[in-house]
Protein backbone atom coordinates (compact mmCIF):
# COMPACT_ATOMS: atom_id res chain seq x y z
CA UNK A 1 8.71 -10.27 9.12
CA UNK A 2 8.00 -12.00 5.87
CA UNK A 3 9.38 -15.11 4.26
CA UNK A 4 10.29 -15.94 0.69
CA UNK A 5 9.82 -19.31 -0.94
CA UNK A 6 10.41 -20.64 -4.42
CA UNK A 7 7.49 -21.93 -6.47
CA UNK A 8 7.88 -24.84 -8.81
CA UNK A 9 9.49 -23.88 -12.11
CA UNK A 10 6.25 -24.63 -13.91
CA UNK A 11 4.66 -21.70 -12.09
CA UNK A 12 6.55 -18.91 -13.81
CA UNK A 13 5.02 -15.95 -12.04
CA UNK A 14 6.24 -13.41 -9.57
CA UNK A 15 7.03 -14.42 -6.03
CA UNK A 16 7.85 -11.61 -3.66
CA UNK A 17 8.26 -11.11 0.07
CA UNK A 18 10.83 -11.30 2.83
CA UNK A 19 12.10 -13.73 5.46
CA UNK A 20 13.34 -17.30 5.39
CA UNK A 21 13.46 -18.94 1.99
CA UNK A 22 13.61 -22.49 0.81
CA UNK A 23 16.24 -23.63 -1.64
CA UNK A 24 15.72 -23.86 -5.37
CA UNK A 25 15.99 -20.32 -6.74
CA UNK A 26 16.13 -20.19 -10.53
CA UNK A 27 17.52 -16.92 -11.83
CA UNK A 28 15.53 -15.06 -14.47
CA UNK A 29 16.35 -15.84 -18.05
CA UNK A 30 15.82 -13.61 -21.04
CA UNK A 31 12.53 -12.42 -22.46
CA UNK A 32 9.91 -9.98 -21.28
CA UNK A 33 6.34 -10.83 -20.47
CA UNK A 34 3.73 -9.25 -22.68
CA UNK A 35 1.73 -6.52 -21.02
CA UNK A 36 -1.86 -7.30 -20.16
CA UNK A 37 -4.20 -4.76 -21.73
CA UNK A 38 -7.91 -4.30 -21.36
CA UNK A 39 -10.41 -1.46 -21.62
CA UNK A 40 -11.82 0.26 -18.58
CA UNK A 41 -15.41 -0.99 -18.14
CA UNK A 42 -18.19 1.26 -19.41
CA UNK A 43 -19.12 3.99 -16.98
CA UNK A 44 -15.80 3.81 -15.14
CA UNK A 45 -12.63 5.76 -15.62
CA UNK A 46 -9.20 5.25 -14.16
CA UNK A 47 -8.58 7.04 -10.90
CA UNK A 48 -6.82 10.37 -11.08
CA UNK A 49 -4.85 12.06 -8.35
CA UNK A 50 -2.58 15.07 -8.14
CA UNK A 51 -1.19 13.72 -4.87
CA UNK A 52 2.58 13.51 -4.56
CA UNK A 53 3.81 10.09 -3.51
CA UNK A 54 4.20 9.13 0.12
CA UNK A 55 7.30 6.99 0.41
CA UNK A 56 8.31 4.21 2.77
CA UNK A 57 10.47 1.13 3.22
CA UNK A 58 10.66 -2.24 4.94
CA UNK A 59 13.31 -1.66 7.63
CA UNK A 60 14.40 -5.25 8.25
CA UNK A 61 17.79 -6.72 7.57
CA UNK A 62 17.41 -10.51 7.78
CA UNK A 63 15.02 -10.80 4.86
CA UNK A 64 16.08 -14.38 4.28
CA UNK A 65 18.24 -16.05 1.68
CA UNK A 66 18.40 -18.93 -0.75
CA UNK A 67 21.45 -21.20 -0.51
CA UNK A 68 22.92 -18.84 2.07
CA UNK A 69 26.66 -18.93 2.56
CA UNK A 70 26.59 -16.57 5.54
CA UNK A 71 24.12 -16.19 8.42
CA UNK A 72 22.13 -12.97 8.80
CA UNK A 73 24.02 -10.22 10.55
CA UNK A 74 22.32 -8.93 13.70
CA UNK A 75 20.42 -5.67 13.34
CA UNK A 76 21.37 -2.47 15.13
CA UNK A 77 18.18 -0.63 16.18
CA UNK A 78 19.96 2.72 16.70
CA UNK A 79 21.61 2.65 13.27
CA UNK A 80 18.39 1.42 11.69
CA UNK A 81 16.41 4.34 13.12
CA UNK A 82 19.11 6.79 12.08
CA UNK A 83 19.00 5.48 8.50
CA UNK A 84 15.20 5.69 8.39
CA UNK A 85 15.20 9.28 9.63
CA UNK A 86 17.88 10.18 7.09
CA UNK A 87 15.65 8.82 4.31
CA UNK A 88 12.57 10.59 5.61
CA UNK A 89 14.13 14.01 6.06
CA UNK A 90 11.27 16.41 6.66
CA UNK A 91 8.70 14.39 4.68
CA UNK A 92 6.09 11.96 6.01
CA UNK A 93 7.68 8.52 5.70
CA UNK A 94 6.16 5.09 6.27
CA UNK A 95 7.89 2.15 7.94
CA UNK A 96 6.36 -1.07 6.61
CA UNK A 97 6.20 -3.88 9.18
CA UNK A 98 5.06 -7.50 8.96
CA UNK A 99 3.16 -9.63 11.44
CA UNK A 100 0.95 -12.69 11.10
CA UNK A 101 -1.98 -14.72 12.39
CA UNK A 102 -1.89 -18.49 12.82
CA UNK A 103 -4.78 -19.06 15.22
CA UNK A 104 -2.36 -19.94 18.02
CA UNK A 105 -2.84 -17.26 20.69
CA UNK A 106 0.71 -17.48 22.05
CA UNK A 107 2.29 -17.41 18.61
CA UNK A 108 0.14 -14.47 17.53
CA UNK A 109 0.85 -12.37 20.64
CA UNK A 110 2.39 -9.03 19.60
CA UNK A 111 2.41 -7.45 23.05
CA UNK A 112 6.18 -7.30 23.16
CA UNK A 113 8.03 -6.75 19.91
CA UNK A 114 5.33 -5.12 17.76
CA UNK A 115 4.05 -2.82 20.49
CA UNK A 116 7.59 -1.60 21.02
CA UNK A 117 8.40 -1.12 17.35
CA UNK A 118 5.24 0.85 16.57
CA UNK A 119 5.66 3.02 19.67
CA UNK A 120 9.33 3.71 18.90
CA UNK A 121 8.85 4.51 15.22
CA UNK A 122 5.86 6.78 15.72
CA UNK A 123 7.54 8.54 18.66
CA UNK A 124 10.41 9.30 16.28
CA UNK A 125 8.01 11.04 13.90
CA UNK A 126 7.73 8.18 11.40
CA UNK A 127 4.48 6.63 10.23
CA UNK A 128 3.77 2.89 10.37
CA UNK A 129 2.09 0.49 7.98
CA UNK A 130 1.44 -3.04 9.21
CA UNK A 131 0.92 -6.19 7.16
CA UNK A 132 -0.91 -8.99 8.99
CA UNK A 133 -0.47 -12.29 7.20
CA UNK A 134 -3.12 -15.00 7.07
CA UNK A 135 -1.46 -18.37 7.69
CA UNK A 136 -3.70 -20.62 9.79
CA UNK A 137 -1.88 -23.45 11.52
CA UNK A 138 -4.82 -25.74 10.81
CA UNK A 139 -7.18 -25.52 7.88
CA UNK A 140 -10.80 -24.96 8.87
CA UNK A 141 -13.91 -23.34 7.47
CA UNK A 142 -13.90 -20.90 10.39
CA UNK A 143 -10.33 -19.67 9.86
CA UNK A 144 -11.23 -16.59 7.73
CA UNK A 145 -13.76 -15.38 10.32
CA UNK A 146 -11.28 -15.97 13.16
CA UNK A 147 -8.67 -14.03 11.21
CA UNK A 148 -11.13 -11.15 10.77
CA UNK A 149 -11.74 -11.10 14.53
CA UNK A 150 -7.98 -10.89 15.08
CA UNK A 151 -7.74 -8.01 12.60
CA UNK A 152 -10.30 -6.13 14.69
CA UNK A 153 -8.04 -6.49 17.73
CA UNK A 154 -5.14 -5.00 15.75
CA UNK A 155 -7.23 -1.95 14.82
CA UNK A 156 -8.35 -1.53 18.42
CA UNK A 157 -4.80 -1.98 19.66
CA UNK A 158 -3.05 0.57 17.43
CA UNK A 159 -5.74 2.65 15.74
CA UNK A 160 -5.65 5.44 18.32
CA UNK A 161 -1.99 6.11 17.47
CA UNK A 162 -2.10 8.89 14.86
CA UNK A 163 1.16 7.61 13.37
CA UNK A 164 -0.37 4.21 12.60
CA UNK A 165 -1.63 5.09 9.15
CA UNK A 166 -2.07 1.92 7.12
CA UNK A 167 -3.10 -1.71 7.64
CA UNK A 168 -2.71 -4.40 4.99
CA UNK A 169 -4.98 -7.41 5.43
CA UNK A 170 -3.20 -10.64 4.43
CA UNK A 171 -0.31 -10.84 2.00
CA UNK A 172 -0.28 -11.89 -1.65
CA UNK A 173 -3.41 -13.99 -1.33
CA UNK A 174 -3.40 -14.50 -5.10
CA UNK A 175 -0.20 -16.58 -5.10
CA UNK A 176 -0.54 -20.30 -4.24
CA UNK A 177 2.16 -22.81 -3.41
CA UNK A 178 4.50 -20.54 -1.41
CA UNK A 179 3.45 -20.58 2.27
CA UNK A 180 6.65 -18.88 3.39
CA UNK A 181 5.84 -15.79 1.36
CA UNK A 182 2.28 -15.73 0.13
CA UNK A 183 -1.05 -16.37 1.82
CA UNK A 184 -2.62 -17.91 -1.27
CA UNK A 185 -1.02 -21.16 -0.12
CA UNK A 186 -3.58 -21.36 2.70
CA UNK A 187 -7.18 -22.48 2.28
CA UNK A 188 -9.67 -19.63 2.47
CA UNK A 189 -7.16 -16.86 1.69
CA UNK A 190 -9.46 -14.86 -0.59
CA UNK A 191 -12.30 -15.14 1.94
CA UNK A 192 -9.88 -14.01 4.66
CA UNK A 193 -9.05 -10.90 2.65
CA UNK A 194 -12.73 -10.06 2.23
CA UNK A 195 -13.74 -10.70 5.83
CA UNK A 196 -10.60 -9.09 7.21
CA UNK A 197 -10.93 -5.89 5.19
CA UNK A 198 -14.61 -5.48 6.06
CA UNK A 199 -13.93 -6.11 9.75
CA UNK A 200 -10.97 -3.73 9.83
CA UNK A 201 -12.86 -0.90 8.16
CA UNK A 202 -15.90 -1.40 10.38
CA UNK A 203 -13.68 -1.14 13.46
CA UNK A 204 -11.99 1.99 12.09
CA UNK A 205 -15.40 3.60 11.62
CA UNK A 206 -16.58 2.57 15.07
CA UNK A 207 -13.46 3.95 16.75
CA UNK A 208 -13.11 7.08 14.60
CA UNK A 209 -9.52 6.32 13.58
CA UNK A 210 -9.74 8.44 10.45
CA UNK A 211 -6.01 8.37 9.70
CA UNK A 212 -5.97 4.57 9.33
CA UNK A 213 -6.41 3.33 5.76
CA UNK A 214 -7.29 -0.32 5.09
CA UNK A 215 -6.03 -2.27 2.10
CA UNK A 216 -4.75 -5.55 0.71
CA UNK A 217 -2.18 -6.42 -1.94
CA UNK A 218 -1.71 -8.36 -5.16
CA UNK A 219 1.56 -9.92 -6.30
CA UNK A 220 2.23 -9.46 -10.00
CA UNK A 221 1.24 -12.61 -11.87
CA UNK A 222 1.94 -13.11 -15.56
CA UNK A 223 -1.04 -15.42 -15.98
CA UNK A 224 -4.12 -13.30 -16.76
CA UNK A 225 -6.51 -16.19 -16.14
CA UNK A 226 -5.13 -16.71 -12.63
CA UNK A 227 -5.56 -13.02 -11.85
CA UNK A 228 -9.11 -13.07 -13.20
CA UNK A 229 -10.06 -15.99 -10.95
CA UNK A 230 -8.72 -14.27 -7.83
CA UNK A 231 -10.41 -10.94 -8.48
CA UNK A 232 -13.71 -12.53 -9.49
CA UNK A 233 -13.65 -14.45 -6.21
CA UNK A 234 -13.15 -11.24 -4.24
CA UNK A 235 -16.05 -9.63 -6.05
CA UNK A 236 -18.34 -12.63 -5.56
CA UNK A 237 -17.55 -13.01 -1.85
CA UNK A 238 -17.35 -9.34 -0.95
CA UNK A 239 -19.83 -7.42 -3.05
CA UNK A 240 -20.47 -3.77 -2.21
CA UNK A 241 -19.56 -4.13 1.47
CA UNK A 242 -16.05 -5.17 0.49
CA UNK A 243 -15.69 -2.51 -2.19
CA UNK A 244 -16.81 0.19 0.25
CA UNK A 245 -14.30 -0.99 2.85
CA UNK A 246 -11.17 -0.99 0.66
CA UNK A 247 -9.17 2.22 0.82
CA UNK A 248 -6.21 0.98 -1.22
CA UNK A 249 -4.83 -1.94 -3.19
CA UNK A 250 -1.10 -2.67 -3.17
CA UNK A 251 1.07 -4.02 -5.97
CA UNK A 252 4.10 -6.22 -5.25
CA UNK A 253 6.43 -6.24 -8.24
CA UNK A 254 10.13 -7.05 -8.69
CA UNK A 255 10.82 -6.76 -12.43
CA UNK A 256 14.26 -7.97 -13.42
CA UNK A 257 14.56 -10.15 -10.32
CA UNK A 258 11.49 -12.33 -10.46
CA UNK A 259 9.03 -11.99 -13.30
CA UNK A 260 8.90 -10.41 -15.78
CA UNK A 261 12.29 -11.75 -16.76
CA UNK A 262 14.73 -9.11 -17.99
CA UNK A 263 18.35 -9.70 -19.08
CA UNK A 264 21.00 -8.12 -16.87
CA UNK A 265 22.34 -5.27 -18.96
CA UNK A 266 22.43 -1.48 -19.07
CA UNK A 267 18.93 -1.65 -20.61
CA UNK A 268 17.47 -3.22 -17.48
CA UNK A 269 16.51 -0.01 -15.60
CA UNK A 270 14.34 1.25 -18.45
CA UNK A 271 12.80 -2.16 -19.11
CA UNK A 272 12.06 -2.67 -15.41
CA UNK A 273 10.37 0.72 -15.25
CA UNK A 274 8.22 -0.13 -18.27
CA UNK A 275 7.29 -3.49 -16.75
CA UNK A 276 6.24 -1.82 -13.52
CA UNK A 277 4.04 0.60 -15.47
CA UNK A 278 2.40 -2.31 -17.28
CA UNK A 279 1.76 -4.04 -13.94
CA UNK A 280 0.00 -0.96 -12.57
CA UNK A 281 -2.09 -0.59 -15.72
CA UNK A 282 -3.18 -4.23 -15.63
CA UNK A 283 -4.06 -4.05 -11.95
CA UNK A 284 -6.12 -0.86 -12.26
CA UNK A 285 -7.82 -1.43 -15.59
CA UNK A 286 -8.18 -5.20 -15.81
CA UNK A 287 -8.39 -6.74 -12.38
CA UNK A 288 -9.67 -4.30 -9.76
CA UNK A 289 -12.98 -3.67 -11.60
CA UNK A 290 -13.72 -7.41 -11.33
CA UNK A 291 -13.97 -6.95 -7.55
CA UNK A 292 -16.05 -3.78 -7.89
CA UNK A 293 -13.15 -1.53 -6.90
CA UNK A 294 -13.69 1.69 -8.77
CA UNK A 295 -11.91 5.00 -9.14
CA UNK A 296 -12.06 6.03 -5.48
CA UNK A 297 -9.75 3.15 -4.49
CA UNK A 298 -6.14 4.28 -4.21
CA UNK A 299 -3.18 2.27 -5.47
CA UNK A 300 0.04 1.61 -3.56
CA UNK A 301 3.24 0.12 -4.89
CA UNK A 302 3.56 -1.90 -1.71
CA UNK A 303 6.75 -3.81 -2.54
CA UNK A 304 9.29 -2.97 -5.21
CA UNK A 305 12.97 -3.83 -5.12
CA UNK A 306 16.13 -4.83 -6.93
CA UNK A 307 19.01 -6.54 -5.09
CA UNK A 308 22.74 -6.33 -5.64
CA UNK A 309 24.88 -9.44 -6.11
CA UNK A 310 26.68 -11.25 -8.93
CA UNK A 311 26.32 -9.21 -12.17
CA UNK A 312 24.14 -6.77 -10.18
CA UNK A 313 26.35 -3.83 -9.33
CA UNK A 314 25.60 -1.13 -6.80
CA UNK A 315 25.29 1.26 -9.74
CA UNK A 316 22.73 -0.95 -11.49
CA UNK A 317 20.63 -1.13 -8.32
CA UNK A 318 20.72 2.65 -7.99
CA UNK A 319 19.80 3.19 -11.64
CA UNK A 320 16.97 0.66 -11.48
CA UNK A 321 15.54 2.19 -8.29
CA UNK A 322 15.66 5.63 -9.86
CA UNK A 323 13.97 4.46 -13.07
CA UNK A 324 11.20 2.55 -11.29
CA UNK A 325 10.37 5.35 -8.83
CA UNK A 326 10.27 7.89 -11.66
CA UNK A 327 7.99 5.62 -13.70
CA UNK A 328 5.55 5.32 -10.79
CA UNK A 329 5.62 9.06 -10.27
CA UNK A 330 4.97 9.69 -13.95
CA UNK A 331 1.73 7.65 -13.90
CA UNK A 332 0.52 8.39 -10.38
CA UNK A 333 -2.01 10.99 -11.55
CA UNK A 334 -3.42 8.67 -14.20
CA UNK A 335 -3.84 5.61 -11.99
CA UNK A 336 -4.39 7.15 -8.56
CA UNK A 337 -1.12 5.96 -7.00
CA UNK A 338 -0.62 7.52 -3.59
CA UNK A 339 2.14 5.46 -1.94
CA UNK A 340 5.42 3.74 -2.77
CA UNK A 341 7.45 1.27 -0.64
CA UNK A 342 10.97 0.08 -1.42
CA UNK A 343 12.13 -3.36 -0.33
CA UNK A 344 14.34 -3.08 1.67
CA UNK A 345 16.60 -0.98 3.92
CA UNK A 346 19.53 -3.26 4.80
CA UNK A 347 21.28 -6.36 3.49
CA UNK A 348 20.72 -9.51 5.49
CA UNK A 349 24.37 -10.39 4.91
CA UNK A 350 26.55 -8.43 2.52
CA UNK A 351 29.08 -11.29 2.56
CA UNK A 352 26.52 -13.71 1.16
CA UNK A 353 26.68 -13.73 -2.67
CA UNK A 354 23.03 -14.77 -2.90
CA UNK A 355 20.95 -11.90 -4.19
CA UNK A 356 18.30 -12.80 -1.62
CA UNK A 357 20.62 -11.48 1.10
CA UNK A 358 21.35 -8.21 -0.70
CA UNK A 359 18.07 -6.39 -1.25
CA UNK A 360 19.18 -3.53 0.97
CA UNK A 361 20.11 -0.02 -0.04
CA UNK A 362 22.58 -0.18 2.82
CA UNK A 363 25.05 -2.93 3.64
CA UNK A 364 24.57 -5.11 6.67
CA UNK A 365 26.46 -2.55 8.80
CA UNK A 366 24.11 0.21 7.57
CA UNK A 367 26.77 1.88 5.44
CA UNK A 368 24.90 3.26 2.41
CA UNK A 369 25.03 1.89 -1.09
CA UNK A 370 24.60 4.45 -3.90
CA UNK A 371 20.89 3.57 -4.05
CA UNK A 372 20.42 4.97 -0.52
CA UNK A 373 21.30 8.48 -1.63
CA UNK A 374 19.25 8.02 -4.80
CA UNK A 375 16.16 7.10 -2.81
CA UNK A 376 16.74 9.86 -0.26
CA UNK A 377 17.01 12.45 -3.02
CA UNK A 378 13.84 11.21 -4.69
CA UNK A 379 11.98 11.40 -1.38
CA UNK A 380 13.31 14.85 -0.63
CA UNK A 381 12.82 16.28 -4.09
CA UNK A 382 10.50 16.07 -7.06
CA UNK A 383 11.20 13.22 -9.46
CA UNK A 384 9.62 14.19 -12.74
CA UNK A 385 6.75 16.44 -11.77
CA UNK A 386 6.88 16.33 -8.01
CA UNK A 387 6.73 13.19 -5.91
CA UNK A 388 7.53 14.38 -2.43
CA UNK A 389 4.63 14.21 -0.02
CA UNK A 390 3.42 17.32 1.77
CA UNK A 391 0.98 15.97 4.34
CA UNK A 392 1.53 15.73 8.06
CA UNK A 393 1.13 12.52 10.09
CA UNK A 394 -2.39 12.11 11.40
CA UNK A 395 -4.00 14.75 9.23
CA UNK A 396 -6.66 13.87 6.75
CA UNK A 397 -6.31 14.55 3.27
CA UNK A 398 -5.40 17.32 1.11
CA UNK A 399 -5.24 17.76 -2.56
CA UNK A 400 -1.69 16.53 -2.17
CA UNK A 401 -2.56 13.20 -0.59
CA UNK A 402 -5.45 10.79 -0.73
CA UNK A 403 -7.67 10.69 2.32
CA UNK A 404 -7.71 7.25 3.96
CA UNK A 405 -11.27 6.02 3.87
CA UNK A 406 -12.53 8.82 1.66
CA UNK A 407 -11.63 9.15 -2.00
CA UNK A 408 -9.34 10.62 -4.60
CA UNK A 409 -8.92 14.36 -4.85
CA UNK A 410 -10.23 15.64 -8.18
CA UNK A 411 -8.22 18.78 -8.59
CA UNK A 412 -9.25 21.16 -11.33
CA UNK A 413 -6.27 21.85 -13.60
CA UNK A 414 -4.46 25.00 -12.61
CA UNK A 415 -6.39 25.57 -9.39
CA UNK A 416 -5.06 23.34 -6.63
CA UNK A 417 -1.31 22.88 -6.86
CA UNK A 418 1.49 23.75 -9.19
CA UNK A 419 4.64 21.65 -8.77
CA UNK A 420 8.19 22.07 -9.91
CA UNK A 421 9.27 20.08 -12.94
CA UNK A 422 12.93 20.37 -12.02
CA UNK A 423 15.22 17.41 -11.26
CA UNK A 424 15.36 16.12 -7.67
CA UNK A 425 15.76 18.98 -5.25
CA UNK A 426 13.55 21.10 -3.01
CA UNK A 427 9.97 21.01 -4.26
CA UNK A 428 7.80 24.06 -4.82
CA UNK A 429 4.08 23.91 -4.12
CA UNK A 430 1.50 26.67 -4.49
CA UNK A 431 -1.88 26.08 -2.92
CA UNK A 432 -5.30 27.09 -4.12
CA UNK A 433 -8.92 25.93 -3.99
CA UNK A 434 -9.67 22.35 -4.99
CA UNK A 435 -12.64 20.07 -5.58
CA UNK A 436 -12.23 16.95 -3.45
CA UNK A 437 -14.33 13.84 -3.90
CA UNK A 438 -15.31 12.56 -0.46
CA UNK A 439 -17.04 9.29 0.35
CA UNK A 440 -20.23 9.47 2.40
CA UNK A 441 -19.70 7.62 5.70
CA UNK A 442 -21.44 4.33 6.37
CA UNK A 443 -23.43 3.62 9.51
CA UNK A 444 -22.84 -0.04 10.10
CA UNK A 445 -25.45 -2.04 8.21
CA UNK A 446 -28.15 0.61 8.51
CA UNK A 447 -29.62 1.95 5.28
CA UNK A 448 -29.24 5.71 5.22
CA UNK A 449 -32.42 7.70 4.58
CA UNK A 450 -30.95 11.21 4.61
CA UNK A 451 -27.73 13.16 4.87
CA UNK A 452 -26.90 16.78 5.68
CA UNK A 453 -23.38 17.92 4.81
CA UNK A 454 -21.73 20.95 6.38
CA UNK A 455 -18.45 22.50 5.30
CA UNK A 456 -16.97 24.59 8.11
CA UNK A 457 -20.49 24.80 9.66
CA UNK A 458 -22.18 25.89 6.42
CA UNK A 459 -24.72 23.49 4.94
CA UNK A 460 -23.66 22.61 1.40
CA UNK A 461 -25.84 19.59 0.61
CA UNK A 462 -29.06 17.91 1.77
CA UNK A 463 -30.50 14.63 0.57
CA UNK A 464 -33.75 13.54 2.19
CA UNK A 465 -35.31 11.33 -0.42
CA UNK A 466 -34.17 8.94 -3.07
CA UNK A 467 -30.82 7.18 -3.23
CA UNK A 468 -28.07 8.47 -0.95
CA UNK A 469 -24.90 9.09 -3.00
CA UNK A 470 -21.75 7.14 -2.16
CA UNK A 471 -19.51 10.14 -2.82
CA UNK A 472 -19.87 13.89 -3.14
CA UNK A 473 -17.54 16.54 -4.56
CA UNK A 474 -16.79 19.44 -2.25
CA UNK A 475 -14.96 22.65 -3.17
CA UNK A 476 -12.46 23.50 -0.45
CA UNK A 477 -10.18 26.48 0.02
CA UNK A 478 -6.49 26.15 0.82
CA UNK A 479 -5.85 25.35 4.45
CA UNK A 480 -7.91 23.34 6.94
CA UNK A 481 -11.53 22.38 6.30
CA UNK A 482 -13.96 20.44 8.48
CA UNK A 483 -16.71 18.40 6.84
CA UNK A 484 -19.58 17.16 9.03
CA UNK A 485 -22.08 14.53 7.92
CA UNK A 486 -25.40 14.18 9.75
CA UNK A 487 -26.58 10.71 8.82
CA UNK A 488 -30.25 9.76 9.10
CA UNK A 489 -31.59 6.20 9.27
CA UNK A 490 -34.46 4.09 10.60
CA UNK A 491 -34.15 1.81 13.61
CA UNK A 492 -37.10 -0.14 15.03
CA UNK A 493 -39.51 2.15 13.24
CA UNK A 494 -37.95 5.33 14.62
CA UNK A 495 -35.78 7.96 12.93
CA UNK A 496 -32.25 8.08 14.33
CA UNK A 497 -29.27 10.24 13.43
CA UNK A 498 -25.55 10.57 14.10
CA UNK A 499 -22.81 13.02 13.12
CA UNK A 500 -19.45 12.09 11.65
CA UNK A 501 -16.69 14.61 11.18
CA UNK A 502 -13.67 14.63 8.85
CA UNK A 503 -10.84 17.10 8.67
CA UNK A 504 -9.03 17.98 5.45
CA UNK A 505 -5.95 20.04 4.81
CA UNK A 506 -5.41 21.38 1.31
CA UNK A 507 -1.64 21.51 0.73
């Protein structure tokens, strides 16, 4: 579970998260932040994806409050699971959970609660995404490496579960001064992201947990220079090893609640949607290239929400949710957005007038607000040009979803999928052949000297001299395809080889 805190008023940037808050909330005033714009660096283009969005939500109720006038209402696991399954319907749906590392073995033990939650959710047919925060109890130069070792244990612990599909390393490491919410308050946070991501991906490759995608997130920050410093640090510390290990980058953004500041009016839904689009554009075009994260790196909207409360009607929440989801769907192909998470499922206390207790799309007794049906319909149907996800838990990737650990599909127009452009409702998908860009597997720290690629047991590519490509494009027919890589390398003066296999499902 996450915690919110309030930064000093002089730091007028976004603060997002969940859990216990400290007092001092200042409500947004008027005025919108100017969008950050920058060109895509030479030789790079923005990621493209025809993948429909995979949706999810943080399921917690007690997300914390500022100046609370009522305590959190106890959660009801049966009602919570029922609400999650109602949202998911027949689509893959991700439950976003939060954990943390302090360096204290007893405090970091997840053998009870987290084991049970992940087992219960995946047994119910839901997928799980886990955030592991970096918040060392004592500052030390060795904390980032110790955190990375702990991240390895998390991969080993849950990676074999096909429903455990996503791991976020640290939380909002770019935001300082808010230890209850954001890991940037702790010394070595950027280094912890780099070491943790590399360790997690290495463990995934060792164990063959192909469904598990590794990422980290960035909280929207209005100060371009602050964002530049954070991303430059990631690039300097991580280099190519880090870039090769990152499957996705998440965006946390709460326009109209934190920054950018938007007046509460009937114009808010549209302005919030535009602000979210600008945040995605800035992240993809301006900041990610500074860390060497190119077009194959997927984007997630990892936290996005709008609470009810004074001057924030149920209807306004529903309209704002609808506008923001539709805006993400409209740009997903341009910016390679594969996933969307709403924050959150249930109010902490519907009797508490503080907005920090009313982020839910249900009340504290799990009775739905209008936004619940809005979100369920968007998940079930096709907002704009088709946002519902069509992949199955544990399968690797189609043209309709990005493959964790591989790369973006590059569907030729008119060949892979054709989606309904109708309002929310049952989606229509027609499948056909597609060209998929697939990353060449790594073999630890060995330098590859050759590769042989087979598609369904037919050799389609050999490279035995020169530079081994990082990615290759493979034409696949509709249905299931198996890609095998025979990797060649040198070890102690001898030639060695190994085979890695990946399964894809087109539509």
